[in-house]
Amino acid sequence: MKRILRSFLIEAVSLYALTQITEGLIFENGIQTLLLSAAALSATFFLAKPIINMLLLPINLVTFGLFKWVSSAIALYLVTLIVPGFRIAGFYFQGYNSDYFSLPNFTFSGFLAYIAFSFSLSIFTSLLHWIVK
């Protein structure tokens, strides 16, 4: 139970952080849809993602694990089907400039937007899991 609650909180914080950094995640009812999406994403990662990983195992072995974000993108797509107010319109990153480094702006649509969001979501959740431990 503790592991599920921790995963839910980390997913909720990661989704919120993504909405602050990028554009394209749409929560029509605000915080209520965000929390429902985090719960559905946690459930999907616990229940459906292992099955998706088993189905995509041969491709994942050939690509040395680089295809793993596609399974996360499929899980994210399943969440958009389950939660009525949660949509992904596209992945829009405005870029970042500082004195030390610069990141260009990115724009993806369609399935590439799901892959970009799953990649950034995995970065945020991994960072938060590392901080929590």
N, C-alpha and C. Protein backbone atom coordinates (compact mmCIF):
# COMPACT_ATOMS: atom_id res chain seq x y z
N MET A 1 0.82 -1.19 0.00
CA MET A 1 0.00 0.00 0.00
C MET A 1 0.87 1.26 0.00
N LYS A 2 1.96 1.21 0.76
CA LYS A 2 2.87 2.36 0.84
C LYS A 2 3.52 2.61 -0.52
N ARG A 3 3.87 1.56 -1.22
CA ARG A 3 4.50 1.67 -2.54
C ARG A 3 3.53 2.27 -3.56
N ILE A 4 2.27 1.89 -3.50
CA ILE A 4 1.26 2.42 -4.42
C ILE A 4 1.02 3.89 -4.17
N LEU A 5 0.92 4.27 -2.89
CA LEU A 5 0.71 5.67 -2.54
C LEU A 5 1.90 6.53 -2.95
N ARG A 6 3.10 6.02 -2.74
CA ARG A 6 4.31 6.75 -3.15
C ARG A 6 4.34 6.93 -4.67
N SER A 7 3.99 5.88 -5.38
CA SER A 7 3.96 5.97 -6.84
C SER A 7 2.92 6.97 -7.31
N PHE A 8 1.75 6.99 -6.66
CA PHE A 8 0.71 7.94 -7.02
C PHE A 8 1.17 9.37 -6.80
N LEU A 9 1.79 9.64 -5.67
CA LEU A 9 2.26 11.00 -5.38
C LEU A 9 3.36 11.43 -6.33
N ILE A 10 4.25 10.53 -6.66
CA ILE A 10 5.34 10.86 -7.58
C ILE A 10 4.80 11.12 -8.98
N GLU A 11 3.83 10.32 -9.41
CA GLU A 11 3.22 10.54 -10.73
C GLU A 11 2.48 11.87 -10.76
N ALA A 12 1.77 12.22 -9.68
CA ALA A 12 1.03 13.49 -9.63
C ALA A 12 1.99 14.68 -9.69
N VAL A 13 3.07 14.63 -8.92
CA VAL A 13 4.04 15.72 -8.92
C VAL A 13 4.73 15.80 -10.28
N SER A 14 5.04 14.67 -10.89
CA SER A 14 5.69 14.66 -12.20
C SER A 14 4.78 15.24 -13.28
N LEU A 15 3.50 14.86 -13.25
CA LEU A 15 2.57 15.42 -14.23
C LEU A 15 2.42 16.93 -14.06
N TYR A 16 2.36 17.38 -12.81
CA TYR A 16 2.26 18.81 -12.56
C TYR A 16 3.52 19.54 -13.03
N ALA A 17 4.68 18.96 -12.77
CA ALA A 17 5.93 19.59 -13.21
C ALA A 17 6.00 19.66 -14.73
N LEU A 18 5.52 18.62 -15.41
CA LEU A 18 5.51 18.64 -16.87
C LEU A 18 4.60 19.73 -17.42
N THR A 19 3.46 19.96 -16.74
CA THR A 19 2.58 21.03 -17.22
C THR A 19 3.19 22.40 -17.01
N GLN A 20 4.10 22.53 -16.06
CA GLN A 20 4.75 23.81 -15.83
C GLN A 20 5.90 24.06 -16.82
N ILE A 21 6.54 23.00 -17.28
CA ILE A 21 7.70 23.14 -18.16
C ILE A 21 7.30 23.08 -19.63
N THR A 22 6.36 22.21 -19.97
CA THR A 22 5.96 22.04 -21.36
C THR A 22 4.49 22.41 -21.53
N GLU A 23 4.06 22.42 -22.75
CA GLU A 23 2.65 22.62 -23.06
C GLU A 23 2.18 21.42 -23.87
N GLY A 24 0.91 21.14 -23.78
CA GLY A 24 0.34 20.04 -24.54
C GLY A 24 -0.44 19.06 -23.70
N LEU A 25 -0.14 18.97 -22.41
CA LEU A 25 -0.95 18.15 -21.51
C LEU A 25 -2.17 18.97 -21.10
N ILE A 26 -3.34 18.44 -21.33
CA ILE A 26 -4.56 19.19 -21.04
C ILE A 26 -5.35 18.45 -19.96
N PHE A 27 -5.57 19.15 -18.85
CA PHE A 27 -6.41 18.67 -17.76
C PHE A 27 -7.64 19.57 -17.73
N GLU A 28 -8.76 19.08 -18.25
CA GLU A 28 -9.93 19.94 -18.44
C GLU A 28 -10.56 20.40 -17.12
N ASN A 29 -10.52 19.58 -16.09
CA ASN A 29 -11.13 19.96 -14.81
C ASN A 29 -10.09 20.34 -13.77
N GLY A 30 -8.90 20.68 -14.18
CA GLY A 30 -7.87 21.14 -13.27
C GLY A 30 -7.27 20.04 -12.40
N ILE A 31 -7.20 20.33 -11.12
CA ILE A 31 -6.51 19.44 -10.17
C ILE A 31 -7.22 18.09 -10.04
N GLN A 32 -8.54 18.08 -10.19
CA GLN A 32 -9.28 16.82 -10.10
C GLN A 32 -8.86 15.86 -11.22
N THR A 33 -8.75 16.38 -12.42
CA THR A 33 -8.32 15.54 -13.55
C THR A 33 -6.85 15.16 -13.41
N LEU A 34 -6.04 16.05 -12.86
CA LEU A 34 -4.63 15.74 -12.63
C LEU A 34 -4.49 14.57 -11.67
N LEU A 35 -5.21 14.59 -10.56
CA LEU A 35 -5.13 13.50 -9.58
C LEU A 35 -5.70 12.20 -10.14
N LEU A 36 -6.79 12.30 -10.90
CA LEU A 36 -7.36 11.10 -11.52
C LEU A 36 -6.42 10.51 -12.55
N SER A 37 -5.75 11.38 -13.30
CA SER A 37 -4.77 10.92 -14.29
C SER A 37 -3.56 10.27 -13.61
N ALA A 38 -3.13 10.84 -12.49
CA ALA A 38 -2.00 10.24 -11.75
C ALA A 38 -2.37 8.87 -11.21
N ALA A 39 -3.60 8.74 -10.72
CA ALA A 39 -4.05 7.42 -10.23
C ALA A 39 -4.14 6.41 -11.36
N ALA A 40 -4.68 6.83 -12.49
CA ALA A 40 -4.79 5.93 -13.64
C ALA A 40 -3.41 5.59 -14.20
N LEU A 41 -2.50 6.54 -14.19
CA LEU A 41 -1.14 6.28 -14.68
C LEU A 41 -0.41 5.32 -13.77
N SER A 42 -0.58 5.47 -12.46
CA SER A 42 0.04 4.53 -11.52
C SER A 42 -0.53 3.13 -11.70
N ALA A 43 -1.84 3.03 -11.85
CA ALA A 43 -2.47 1.72 -12.06
C ALA A 43 -2.03 1.11 -13.38
N THR A 44 -1.93 1.92 -14.40
CA THR A 44 -1.50 1.41 -15.70
C THR A 44 -0.06 0.94 -15.65
N PHE A 45 0.80 1.68 -14.95
CA PHE A 45 2.19 1.26 -14.84
C PHE A 45 2.34 -0.02 -14.03
N PHE A 46 1.48 -0.23 -13.04
CA PHE A 46 1.55 -1.45 -12.24
C PHE A 46 0.91 -2.65 -12.94
N LEU A 47 -0.17 -2.42 -13.70
CA LEU A 47 -0.93 -3.53 -14.27
C LEU A 47 -0.64 -3.77 -15.75
N ALA A 48 -0.72 -2.73 -16.57
CA ALA A 48 -0.64 -2.93 -18.02
C ALA A 48 0.78 -2.87 -18.58
N LYS A 49 1.65 -2.07 -17.97
CA LYS A 49 2.99 -1.91 -18.53
C LYS A 49 3.81 -3.20 -18.53
N PRO A 50 3.72 -4.06 -17.49
CA PRO A 50 4.45 -5.33 -17.60
C PRO A 50 3.98 -6.21 -18.76
N ILE A 51 2.69 -6.17 -19.05
CA ILE A 51 2.17 -6.94 -20.18
C ILE A 51 2.65 -6.35 -21.49
N ILE A 52 2.63 -5.03 -21.59
CA ILE A 52 3.12 -4.36 -22.80
C ILE A 52 4.61 -4.63 -23.00
N ASN A 53 5.37 -4.61 -21.91
CA ASN A 53 6.81 -4.89 -22.00
C ASN A 53 7.07 -6.32 -22.47
N MET A 54 6.26 -7.26 -22.03
CA MET A 54 6.43 -8.65 -22.47
C MET A 54 6.10 -8.79 -23.96
N LEU A 55 5.08 -8.07 -24.42
CA LEU A 55 4.73 -8.14 -25.84
C LEU A 55 5.79 -7.49 -26.73
N LEU A 56 6.43 -6.45 -26.23
CA LEU A 56 7.45 -5.73 -26.99
C LEU A 56 8.87 -6.19 -26.68
N LEU A 57 9.01 -7.29 -25.95
CA LEU A 57 10.33 -7.77 -25.54
C LEU A 57 11.28 -8.05 -26.69
N PRO A 58 10.86 -8.71 -27.78
CA PRO A 58 11.82 -8.94 -28.88
C PRO A 58 12.36 -7.65 -29.49
N ILE A 59 11.49 -6.67 -29.69
CA ILE A 59 11.94 -5.39 -30.25
C ILE A 59 12.83 -4.66 -29.25
N ASN A 60 12.49 -4.76 -27.98
CA ASN A 60 13.28 -4.12 -26.94
C ASN A 60 14.67 -4.74 -26.84
N LEU A 61 14.78 -6.03 -27.03
CA LEU A 61 16.09 -6.68 -27.00
C LEU A 61 16.94 -6.28 -28.19
N VAL A 62 16.32 -6.16 -29.35
CA VAL A 62 17.07 -5.78 -30.55
C VAL A 62 17.57 -4.35 -30.46
N THR A 63 16.79 -3.47 -29.85
CA THR A 63 17.18 -2.06 -29.75
C THR A 63 17.92 -1.74 -28.46
N PHE A 64 18.29 -2.76 -27.69
CA PHE A 64 19.04 -2.61 -26.44
C PHE A 64 18.33 -1.72 -25.43
N GLY A 65 17.02 -1.84 -25.35
CA GLY A 65 16.24 -1.13 -24.35
C GLY A 65 15.75 0.24 -24.76
N LEU A 66 16.10 0.70 -25.96
CA LEU A 66 15.66 2.02 -26.39
C LEU A 66 14.17 2.05 -26.74
N PHE A 67 13.58 0.91 -26.93
CA PHE A 67 12.16 0.84 -27.28
C PHE A 67 11.27 0.87 -26.04
N LYS A 68 11.86 0.97 -24.87
CA LYS A 68 11.09 0.95 -23.63
C LYS A 68 10.19 2.17 -23.50
N TRP A 69 10.59 3.31 -24.06
CA TRP A 69 9.74 4.50 -23.99
C TRP A 69 8.48 4.34 -24.81
N VAL A 70 8.51 3.46 -25.81
CA VAL A 70 7.30 3.21 -26.58
C VAL A 70 6.27 2.50 -25.71
N SER A 71 6.71 1.60 -24.85
CA SER A 71 5.77 0.94 -23.95
C SER A 71 5.20 1.94 -22.95
N SER A 72 6.00 2.89 -22.51
CA SER A 72 5.49 3.95 -21.63
C SER A 72 4.53 4.86 -22.38
N ALA A 73 4.79 5.11 -23.65
CA ALA A 73 3.90 5.92 -24.46
C ALA A 73 2.56 5.22 -24.67
N ILE A 74 2.59 3.90 -24.84
CA ILE A 74 1.35 3.14 -24.98
C ILE A 74 0.56 3.19 -23.68
N ALA A 75 1.25 3.07 -22.55
CA ALA A 75 0.57 3.18 -21.26
C ALA A 75 -0.03 4.58 -21.08
N LEU A 76 0.68 5.60 -21.51
CA LEU A 76 0.17 6.97 -21.44
C LEU A 76 -1.05 7.15 -22.34
N TYR A 77 -1.03 6.52 -23.50
CA TYR A 77 -2.18 6.56 -24.40
C TYR A 77 -3.39 5.86 -23.78
N LEU A 78 -3.14 4.75 -23.09
CA LEU A 78 -4.24 4.06 -22.40
C LEU A 78 -4.87 4.95 -21.34
N VAL A 79 -4.06 5.74 -20.67
CA VAL A 79 -4.58 6.66 -19.64
C VAL A 79 -5.44 7.74 -20.30
N THR A 80 -5.04 8.22 -21.47
CA THR A 80 -5.88 9.22 -22.15
C THR A 80 -7.20 8.62 -22.59
N LEU A 81 -7.25 7.32 -22.82
CA LEU A 81 -8.52 6.68 -23.16
C LEU A 81 -9.40 6.48 -21.93
N ILE A 82 -8.78 6.26 -20.77
CA ILE A 82 -9.53 5.96 -19.55
C ILE A 82 -10.05 7.23 -18.89
N VAL A 83 -9.20 8.24 -18.74
CA VAL A 83 -9.58 9.46 -18.02
C VAL A 83 -10.22 10.43 -19.02
N PRO A 84 -11.48 10.83 -18.76
CA PRO A 84 -12.19 11.64 -19.76
C PRO A 84 -11.66 13.06 -19.96
N GLY A 85 -11.11 13.70 -18.96
CA GLY A 85 -10.66 15.09 -19.11
C GLY A 85 -9.19 15.24 -19.41
N PHE A 86 -8.48 14.16 -19.62
CA PHE A 86 -7.03 14.19 -19.85
C PHE A 86 -6.75 13.96 -21.32
N ARG A 87 -6.05 14.91 -21.95
CA ARG A 87 -5.69 14.80 -23.36
C ARG A 87 -4.25 15.24 -23.57
N ILE A 88 -3.68 14.75 -24.65
CA ILE A 88 -2.37 15.21 -25.08
C ILE A 88 -2.55 15.81 -26.46
N ALA A 89 -2.42 17.13 -26.54
CA ALA A 89 -2.61 17.84 -27.80
C ALA A 89 -1.33 17.86 -28.62
N GLY A 90 -0.21 17.79 -27.98
CA GLY A 90 1.09 17.83 -28.63
C GLY A 90 2.14 18.12 -27.58
N PHE A 91 3.37 18.01 -27.97
CA PHE A 91 4.47 18.30 -27.05
C PHE A 91 5.11 19.60 -27.51
N TYR A 92 5.02 20.64 -26.68
CA TYR A 92 5.57 21.94 -27.01
C TYR A 92 6.51 22.37 -25.88
N PHE A 93 7.79 22.45 -26.19
CA PHE A 93 8.78 22.94 -25.23
C PHE A 93 9.32 24.24 -25.78
N GLN A 94 9.25 25.31 -24.99
CA GLN A 94 9.61 26.64 -25.47
C GLN A 94 11.12 26.88 -25.50
N GLY A 95 11.90 25.98 -24.94
CA GLY A 95 13.34 26.16 -24.93
C GLY A 95 13.81 26.81 -23.64
N TYR A 96 15.11 26.83 -23.46
CA TYR A 96 15.70 27.41 -22.26
C TYR A 96 17.05 27.99 -22.62
N ASN A 97 17.30 29.20 -22.17
CA ASN A 97 18.58 29.86 -22.41
C ASN A 97 19.15 30.35 -21.09
N SER A 98 20.42 30.09 -20.87
CA SER A 98 21.13 30.62 -19.71
C SER A 98 22.55 30.98 -20.15
N ASP A 99 23.35 31.42 -19.21
CA ASP A 99 24.73 31.76 -19.53
C ASP A 99 25.57 30.53 -19.83
N TYR A 100 25.18 29.38 -19.29
CA TYR A 100 26.00 28.17 -19.40
C TYR A 100 25.59 27.25 -20.53
N PHE A 101 24.29 27.12 -20.79
CA PHE A 101 23.85 26.25 -21.88
C PHE A 101 22.50 26.73 -22.40
N SER A 102 22.16 26.20 -23.54
CA SER A 102 20.91 26.59 -24.19
C SER A 102 20.22 25.34 -24.73
N LEU A 103 18.92 25.25 -24.53
CA LEU A 103 18.12 24.16 -25.08
C LEU A 103 17.17 24.73 -26.12
N PRO A 104 17.14 24.16 -27.32
CA PRO A 104 16.24 24.69 -28.35
C PRO A 104 14.79 24.31 -28.06
N ASN A 105 13.87 24.95 -28.76
CA ASN A 105 12.47 24.59 -28.58
C ASN A 105 12.14 23.34 -29.40
N PHE A 106 11.24 22.53 -28.89
CA PHE A 106 10.81 21.29 -29.53
C PHE A 106 9.31 21.35 -29.75
N THR A 107 8.85 20.76 -30.83
CA THR A 107 7.43 20.62 -31.08
C THR A 107 7.20 19.26 -31.72
N PHE A 108 6.39 18.43 -31.07
CA PHE A 108 6.03 17.13 -31.60
C PHE A 108 4.52 16.99 -31.58
N SER A 109 3.99 16.23 -32.51
CA SER A 109 2.56 15.96 -32.51
C SER A 109 2.34 14.48 -32.81
N GLY A 110 1.14 14.02 -32.53
CA GLY A 110 0.81 12.62 -32.80
C GLY A 110 1.49 11.68 -31.81
N PHE A 111 1.92 10.54 -32.33
CA PHE A 111 2.53 9.53 -31.47
C PHE A 111 3.88 9.99 -30.93
N LEU A 112 4.58 10.85 -31.67
CA LEU A 112 5.86 11.37 -31.16
C LEU A 112 5.66 12.23 -29.92
N ALA A 113 4.50 12.87 -29.79
CA ALA A 113 4.20 13.63 -28.58
C ALA A 113 4.05 12.70 -27.39
N TYR A 114 3.42 11.55 -27.60
CA TYR A 114 3.31 10.57 -26.52
C TYR A 114 4.67 10.04 -26.11
N ILE A 115 5.55 9.80 -27.08
CA ILE A 115 6.89 9.33 -26.76
C ILE A 115 7.69 10.41 -26.02
N ALA A 116 7.56 11.67 -26.46
CA ALA A 116 8.27 12.77 -25.79
C ALA A 116 7.77 12.95 -24.36
N PHE A 117 6.45 12.86 -24.16
CA PHE A 117 5.92 12.98 -22.80
C PHE A 117 6.31 11.78 -21.94
N SER A 118 6.34 10.59 -22.52
CA SER A 118 6.74 9.43 -21.73
C SER A 118 8.21 9.51 -21.36
N PHE A 119 9.04 10.02 -22.27
CA PHE A 119 10.46 10.20 -21.97
C PHE A 119 10.65 11.21 -20.85
N SER A 120 9.99 12.39 -20.96
CA SER A 120 10.15 13.40 -19.91
C SER A 120 9.52 12.97 -18.61
N LEU A 121 8.41 12.24 -18.68
CA LEU A 121 7.78 11.74 -17.46
C LEU A 121 8.68 10.72 -16.78
N SER A 122 9.36 9.88 -17.55
CA SER A 122 10.26 8.90 -16.94
C SER A 122 11.46 9.60 -16.28
N ILE A 123 11.93 10.69 -16.88
CA ILE A 123 13.03 11.44 -16.26
C ILE A 123 12.59 12.02 -14.92
N PHE A 124 11.41 12.66 -14.90
CA PHE A 124 10.91 13.27 -13.66
C PHE A 124 10.63 12.22 -12.60
N THR A 125 9.99 11.12 -12.97
CA THR A 125 9.67 10.10 -11.97
C THR A 125 10.93 9.43 -11.44
N SER A 126 11.91 9.20 -12.31
CA SER A 126 13.16 8.60 -11.84
C SER A 126 13.88 9.54 -10.88
N LEU A 127 13.88 10.81 -11.19
CA LEU A 127 14.51 11.79 -10.31
C LEU A 127 13.79 11.85 -8.96
N LEU A 128 12.48 11.85 -8.97
CA LEU A 128 11.72 11.89 -7.72
C LEU A 128 11.85 10.61 -6.92
N HIS A 129 11.89 9.45 -7.60
CA HIS A 129 12.12 8.19 -6.88
C HIS A 129 13.49 8.19 -6.20
N TRP A 130 14.47 8.76 -6.89
CA TRP A 130 15.82 8.84 -6.33
C TRP A 130 15.84 9.76 -5.12
N ILE A 131 15.12 10.90 -5.20
CA ILE A 131 15.08 11.83 -4.08
C ILE A 131 14.36 11.23 -2.89
N VAL A 132 13.27 10.51 -3.13
CA VAL A 132 12.47 9.92 -2.04
C VAL A 132 13.26 8.85 -1.31
N LYS A 133 14.03 8.05 -2.03
CA LYS A 133 14.81 6.99 -1.39
C LYS A 133 15.96 7.62 -0.66
